[in-house]
Protein backbone atom coordinates (compact mmCIF):
# COMPACT_ATOMS: atom_id res chain seq x y z
CA UNK A 1 -71.05 192.46 -57.00
CA UNK A 2 -68.81 194.82 -55.08
CA UNK A 3 -69.53 192.99 -51.82
CA UNK A 4 -68.36 189.66 -53.29
CA UNK A 5 -65.11 191.26 -54.50
CA UNK A 6 -64.42 192.73 -51.07
CA UNK A 7 -65.07 189.38 -49.39
CA UNK A 8 -62.74 187.61 -51.85
CA UNK A 9 -59.97 190.14 -51.22
CA UNK A 10 -60.30 189.80 -47.45
CA UNK A 11 -60.30 185.99 -47.75
CA UNK A 12 -57.05 186.11 -49.72
CA UNK A 13 -55.62 188.43 -47.10
CA UNK A 14 -56.29 185.83 -44.43
CA UNK A 15 -54.89 182.90 -46.43
CA UNK A 16 -51.79 184.39 -48.07
CA UNK A 17 -49.76 184.85 -44.84
CA UNK A 18 -49.80 181.06 -44.48
CA UNK A 19 -48.38 180.35 -47.95
CA UNK A 20 -45.01 178.63 -47.61
CA UNK A 21 -42.49 180.84 -49.37
CA UNK A 22 -39.32 182.54 -48.25
CA UNK A 23 -40.02 186.08 -47.03
CA UNK A 24 -37.76 189.02 -47.80
CA UNK A 25 -36.06 190.94 -45.01
CA UNK A 26 -37.56 194.22 -46.27
CA UNK A 27 -41.29 195.11 -46.23
CA UNK A 28 -43.08 194.72 -49.55
CA UNK A 29 -43.05 198.09 -51.39
CA UNK A 30 -46.72 197.74 -52.34
CA UNK A 31 -48.39 201.01 -53.21
CA UNK A 32 -51.10 202.46 -51.04
CA UNK A 33 -54.39 203.41 -52.77
CA UNK A 34 -53.69 207.14 -52.53
CA UNK A 35 -52.93 209.55 -55.37
CA UNK A 36 -49.53 210.58 -54.02
CA UNK A 37 -46.79 208.22 -55.17
CA UNK A 38 -43.94 207.16 -52.92
CA UNK A 39 -40.59 207.56 -54.76
CA UNK A 40 -39.37 204.07 -53.78
CA UNK A 41 -39.18 201.30 -56.38
CA UNK A 42 -39.29 197.50 -56.48
CA UNK A 43 -35.91 195.86 -55.83
CA UNK A 44 -34.05 194.46 -58.88
CA UNK A 45 -35.31 190.99 -59.75
CA UNK A 46 -38.43 191.21 -57.61
CA UNK A 47 -41.93 190.94 -59.06
CA UNK A 48 -44.91 192.61 -57.36
CA UNK A 49 -48.60 192.08 -58.05
CA UNK A 50 -51.09 194.66 -56.79
CA UNK A 51 -54.83 194.31 -57.22
CA UNK A 52 -58.09 195.08 -55.47
CA UNK A 53 -61.68 196.20 -55.81
CA UNK A 54 -62.89 199.79 -56.23
CA UNK A 55 -66.41 201.24 -56.09
CA UNK A 56 -67.43 204.83 -56.83
CA UNK A 57 -70.80 206.54 -56.36
CA UNK A 58 -71.93 209.89 -57.76
CA UNK A 59 -73.65 212.81 -56.04
CA UNK A 60 -76.41 212.82 -58.68
CA UNK A 61 -77.17 209.11 -58.25
CA UNK A 62 -75.76 208.08 -61.64
CA UNK A 63 -74.96 204.35 -61.94
CA UNK A 64 -72.10 203.31 -59.69
CA UNK A 65 -68.71 202.53 -61.18
CA UNK A 66 -66.69 199.41 -60.26
CA UNK A 67 -63.28 198.10 -61.30
CA UNK A 68 -60.46 195.78 -60.32
CA UNK A 69 -57.43 197.99 -60.79
CA UNK A 70 -54.25 195.94 -61.11
CA UNK A 71 -50.53 196.74 -61.42
CA UNK A 72 -47.73 194.31 -62.37
CA UNK A 73 -44.32 195.70 -61.29
CA UNK A 74 -40.85 194.33 -62.00
CA UNK A 75 -37.58 195.69 -60.59
CA UNK A 76 -34.99 196.06 -63.36
CA UNK A 77 -32.07 198.07 -62.01
CA UNK A 78 -31.19 199.83 -58.80
CA UNK A 79 -33.90 202.49 -58.30
CA UNK A 80 -35.69 201.55 -61.57
CA UNK A 81 -38.78 199.45 -62.27
CA UNK A 82 -41.13 198.80 -65.19
CA UNK A 83 -44.86 198.30 -64.77
CA UNK A 84 -48.03 197.33 -66.63
CA UNK A 85 -51.23 198.58 -65.06
CA UNK A 86 -54.84 199.50 -65.65
CA UNK A 87 -58.49 199.04 -64.73
CA UNK A 88 -58.83 195.45 -65.80
CA UNK A 89 -62.42 194.41 -65.07
CA UNK A 90 -64.73 197.47 -65.15
CA UNK A 91 -68.48 197.80 -64.77
CA UNK A 92 -71.02 200.58 -64.85
CA UNK A 93 -74.59 199.56 -65.56
CA UNK A 94 -75.26 198.57 -68.29
CA UNK A 95 -71.64 198.51 -69.57
CA UNK A 96 -68.99 196.01 -68.55
CA UNK A 97 -65.58 195.21 -69.92
CA UNK A 98 -61.88 196.09 -69.55
CA UNK A 99 -60.14 199.43 -69.13
CA UNK A 100 -57.09 200.69 -70.98
CA UNK A 101 -53.55 199.60 -70.12
CA UNK A 102 -50.58 201.77 -69.23
CA UNK A 103 -46.96 200.76 -69.79
CA UNK A 104 -44.64 202.83 -67.65
CA UNK A 105 -41.73 202.96 -65.26
CA UNK A 106 -40.45 204.57 -62.06
CA UNK A 107 -36.94 205.99 -61.83
CA UNK A 108 -35.87 207.13 -58.36
CA UNK A 109 -33.06 209.40 -59.56
CA UNK A 110 -32.45 211.44 -56.42
CA UNK A 111 -31.96 210.37 -52.81
CA UNK A 112 -30.37 213.08 -50.69
CA UNK A 113 -30.66 212.82 -46.92
CA UNK A 114 -34.42 212.86 -46.33
CA UNK A 115 -35.38 214.04 -49.82
CA UNK A 116 -36.30 211.60 -52.58
CA UNK A 117 -37.55 212.36 -56.12
CA UNK A 118 -38.82 209.93 -58.77
CA UNK A 119 -39.66 210.36 -62.47
CA UNK A 120 -42.88 208.69 -63.69
CA UNK A 121 -42.97 208.28 -67.50
CA UNK A 122 -45.57 206.12 -69.27
CA UNK A 123 -48.02 205.68 -72.13
CA UNK A 124 -51.72 204.81 -72.01
CA UNK A 125 -52.84 202.54 -74.87
CA UNK A 126 -56.47 202.40 -76.11
CA UNK A 127 -56.60 198.67 -75.40
CA UNK A 128 -59.81 198.51 -73.38
CA UNK A 129 -63.22 197.29 -74.48
CA UNK A 130 -65.40 199.74 -76.42
CA UNK A 131 -67.28 201.27 -73.50
CA UNK A 132 -64.13 201.86 -71.41
CA UNK A 133 -61.61 202.68 -74.12
CA UNK A 134 -59.79 206.00 -74.25
CA UNK A 135 -59.56 208.24 -77.30
CA UNK A 136 -56.09 207.18 -78.41
CA UNK A 137 -52.51 206.85 -77.25
CA UNK A 138 -51.91 209.16 -74.29
CA UNK A 139 -48.33 209.80 -73.09
CA UNK A 140 -47.88 210.88 -69.49
CA UNK A 141 -45.06 212.09 -67.27
CA UNK A 142 -44.89 213.02 -63.63
CA UNK A 143 -42.72 213.69 -60.61
CA UNK A 144 -43.16 212.59 -57.02
CA UNK A 145 -41.23 213.67 -53.95
CA UNK A 146 -40.78 212.78 -50.31
CA UNK A 147 -39.70 215.49 -47.87
CA UNK A 148 -38.60 215.37 -44.21
CA UNK A 149 -41.24 214.45 -41.65
CA UNK A 150 -43.43 217.14 -40.10
CA UNK A 151 -44.62 216.32 -36.58
CA UNK A 152 -44.13 212.58 -37.31
CA UNK A 153 -46.13 212.80 -40.57
CA UNK A 154 -44.33 211.98 -43.84
CA UNK A 155 -45.35 214.38 -46.70
CA UNK A 156 -45.56 213.09 -50.27
CA UNK A 157 -46.17 215.45 -53.22
CA UNK A 158 -47.06 214.21 -56.71
CA UNK A 159 -47.93 215.89 -60.03
CA UNK A 160 -48.70 214.03 -63.29
CA UNK A 161 -49.57 215.42 -66.75
CA UNK A 162 -51.23 213.37 -69.53
CA UNK A 163 -51.64 214.45 -73.15
CA UNK A 164 -54.99 213.18 -74.44
CA UNK A 165 -57.10 213.49 -77.56
CA UNK A 166 -60.44 215.32 -77.47
CA UNK A 167 -62.59 213.63 -80.12
CA UNK A 168 -65.32 216.30 -80.03
CA UNK A 169 -62.94 219.23 -80.48
CA UNK A 170 -60.63 217.37 -82.86
CA UNK A 171 -57.47 218.31 -80.97
CA UNK A 172 -55.31 217.18 -78.07
CA UNK A 173 -55.32 218.60 -74.57
CA UNK A 174 -53.26 218.15 -71.43
CA UNK A 175 -54.80 217.01 -68.17
CA UNK A 176 -52.92 217.68 -64.96
CA UNK A 177 -53.52 216.39 -61.46
CA UNK A 178 -51.66 216.98 -58.25
CA UNK A 179 -51.88 215.58 -54.74
CA UNK A 180 -50.31 215.94 -51.33
CA UNK A 181 -50.59 213.28 -48.65
CA UNK A 182 -49.32 212.81 -45.11
CA UNK A 183 -48.47 209.32 -43.84
CA UNK A 184 -47.89 208.31 -40.25
CA UNK A 185 -46.37 205.07 -38.94
CA UNK A 186 -48.65 203.75 -36.19
CA UNK A 187 -46.86 200.44 -35.65
CA UNK A 188 -44.19 198.47 -37.54
CA UNK A 189 -46.97 196.98 -39.65
CA UNK A 190 -49.63 199.70 -39.78
CA UNK A 191 -49.51 203.07 -41.58
CA UNK A 192 -52.34 205.56 -42.03
CA UNK A 193 -52.55 208.48 -44.45
CA UNK A 194 -54.71 211.50 -45.29
CA UNK A 195 -54.70 213.32 -48.62
CA UNK A 196 -56.00 216.22 -50.72
CA UNK A 197 -55.98 216.04 -54.54
CA UNK A 198 -57.11 218.24 -57.46
CA UNK A 199 -57.17 218.00 -61.24
CA UNK A 200 -57.62 220.18 -64.29
CA UNK A 201 -57.08 220.28 -68.04
CA UNK A 202 -55.65 222.76 -70.55
CA UNK A 203 -59.06 223.34 -72.14
CA UNK A 204 -61.15 222.95 -68.99
CA UNK A 205 -62.92 226.25 -68.32
CA UNK A 206 -64.74 225.37 -65.11
CA UNK A 207 -63.52 225.40 -61.53
CA UNK A 208 -61.00 222.78 -60.48
CA UNK A 209 -62.52 219.75 -58.70
CA UNK A 210 -61.05 218.46 -55.44
CA UNK A 211 -61.33 215.32 -53.38
CA UNK A 212 -59.98 214.00 -50.10
CA UNK A 213 -59.31 210.51 -48.85
CA UNK A 214 -58.12 208.63 -45.78
CA UNK A 215 -56.70 205.13 -45.77
CA UNK A 216 -54.30 202.56 -44.34
CA UNK A 217 -51.70 199.95 -45.26
CA UNK A 218 -51.08 196.89 -43.09
CA UNK A 219 -48.29 194.30 -43.46
CA UNK A 220 -49.70 190.79 -43.15
CA UNK A 221 -46.19 189.47 -43.84
CA UNK A 222 -43.09 191.09 -45.32
CA UNK A 223 -44.36 189.90 -48.73
CA UNK A 224 -48.09 190.63 -48.42
CA UNK A 225 -49.75 193.99 -47.71
CA UNK A 226 -53.44 194.72 -47.13
CA UNK A 227 -54.64 198.25 -47.89
CA UNK A 228 -57.84 200.26 -47.99
CA UNK A 229 -59.08 203.76 -48.67
CA UNK A 230 -62.25 205.89 -48.47
CA UNK A 231 -62.64 208.84 -50.86
CA UNK A 232 -65.01 211.81 -50.96
CA UNK A 233 -65.49 214.39 -53.69
CA UNK A 234 -65.27 217.97 -52.42
CA UNK A 235 -65.65 221.26 -54.26
CA UNK A 236 -66.73 221.17 -57.93
CA UNK A 237 -66.56 217.38 -57.97
CA UNK A 238 -69.43 215.12 -59.03
CA UNK A 239 -67.89 212.14 -57.24
CA UNK A 240 -69.68 211.13 -54.06
CA UNK A 241 -68.27 208.45 -51.78
CA UNK A 242 -65.85 205.82 -53.06
CA UNK A 243 -64.03 202.89 -51.48
CA UNK A 244 -61.12 200.55 -52.17
CA UNK A 245 -59.71 197.37 -50.63
CA UNK A 246 -56.69 195.62 -52.09
CA UNK A 247 -53.55 193.52 -51.73
CA UNK A 248 -49.90 193.86 -52.69
CA UNK A 249 -48.10 190.51 -53.13
CA UNK A 250 -44.38 190.13 -53.77
CA UNK A 251 -42.85 187.10 -55.50
CA UNK A 252 -39.65 186.35 -53.54
CA UNK A 253 -36.39 186.85 -55.42
CA UNK A 254 -35.24 183.25 -54.74
CA UNK A 255 -37.72 182.10 -57.39
CA UNK A 256 -36.38 184.42 -60.09
CA UNK A 257 -33.31 184.20 -62.33
CA UNK A 258 -30.09 184.49 -60.26
CA UNK A 259 -28.61 187.10 -62.62
CA UNK A 260 -31.41 189.50 -61.59
CA UNK A 261 -30.65 189.30 -57.89
CA UNK A 262 -28.82 192.61 -57.49
CA UNK A 263 -28.68 194.28 -54.11
CA UNK A 264 -31.18 197.14 -53.79
CA UNK A 265 -30.08 199.95 -51.51
CA UNK A 266 -32.78 202.61 -51.88
CA UNK A 267 -35.15 203.02 -48.91
CA UNK A 268 -38.26 200.85 -48.86
CA UNK A 269 -41.49 201.37 -46.98
CA UNK A 270 -44.77 199.54 -46.78
CA UNK A 271 -46.64 202.61 -48.04
CA UNK A 272 -45.87 203.46 -51.63
CA UNK A 273 -48.50 205.31 -53.61
CA UNK A 274 -49.05 204.79 -57.32
CA UNK A 275 -51.33 207.24 -59.06
CA UNK A 276 -51.26 207.60 -62.82
CA UNK A 277 -53.93 209.34 -64.91
CA UNK A 278 -56.16 207.40 -67.27
CA UNK A 279 -57.90 208.73 -70.37
CA UNK A 280 -60.81 206.28 -70.29
CA UNK A 281 -64.43 207.38 -70.78
CA UNK A 282 -67.72 205.53 -71.05
CA UNK A 283 -69.87 206.20 -74.12
CA UNK A 284 -73.38 206.14 -72.67
CA UNK A 285 -73.30 206.55 -68.90
CA UNK A 286 -71.39 208.76 -66.54
CA UNK A 287 -67.96 207.43 -65.58
CA UNK A 288 -64.63 208.92 -64.49
CA UNK A 289 -63.25 210.97 -67.37
CA UNK A 290 -59.83 210.98 -65.75
CA UNK A 291 -59.23 208.01 -63.48
CA UNK A 292 -56.38 209.44 -61.51
CA UNK A 293 -54.74 206.34 -60.20
CA UNK A 294 -53.95 202.91 -61.39
CA UNK A 295 -53.84 201.18 -58.07
CA UNK A 296 -56.80 203.13 -56.72
CA UNK A 297 -59.22 204.29 -59.37
CA UNK A 298 -60.83 207.36 -57.91
CA UNK A 299 -61.56 210.21 -60.29
CA UNK A 300 -61.83 213.97 -60.16
CA UNK A 301 -64.22 213.83 -63.12
CA UNK A 302 -62.58 216.38 -65.40
CA UNK A 303 -63.48 215.83 -69.03
CA UNK A 304 -61.35 218.51 -70.62
CA UNK A 305 -64.27 219.64 -72.75
């Protein structure tokens, strides 16, 4: 199943550059499948579709977890976008269905020289199918920041908190994850990144789990980006190896309403990360208790129990 999804994604990557539409002068701000989130936003009036295929294995040989994480992003104002995202098609033997949806936004409220900071508010809704549905409405908020380059590597730091409901304990708890990544521009089209992430919860008494990942983003055209990532659970993490391959596709502004075509002046790059925490769990088999990203769906497997 996962192999067919990867082949379909790669086939689309080969065909989309030949689609006849007007390309933008700026690279598509598609988000890389890392946990760190680039502060940049979609330009006003532009619509961006991001989707791909994710597979996660466990160290104890539990059934593998698959999904097709997807994000729909629309630029509203200068430095502000709204987005609908989630793990749409999800599968972990024997369960299959849809994950929860998150309605959120990005507000890049500070750009000062080489520093950039963005606010990440949002709400997870228990809209998924039974086996992949969370325990209720879960508000989340986060901050992400870019800092000046260090030895030609661009640091990105992200922290996101989500308030979730613990059905067993009959109370709410707060999960928190944080990540730092370093991105390097190899060519005008190719970026690579490395990352370290960790997660915890307010009622989690064990040791914090960590993971690392390495990935790339590649511009097929200014409107289409191919990206991939390989993850590995580290200390105190049940996650084994995981992989992602995906696309970011921008709908050119010439096809949208002319009143939405405002000039966007904030910096854009081809490598924008988009992690948001999810509160989804699976009832019978082992699955990520906190799926840390929307665009990539790796998990640090913290249940908060």
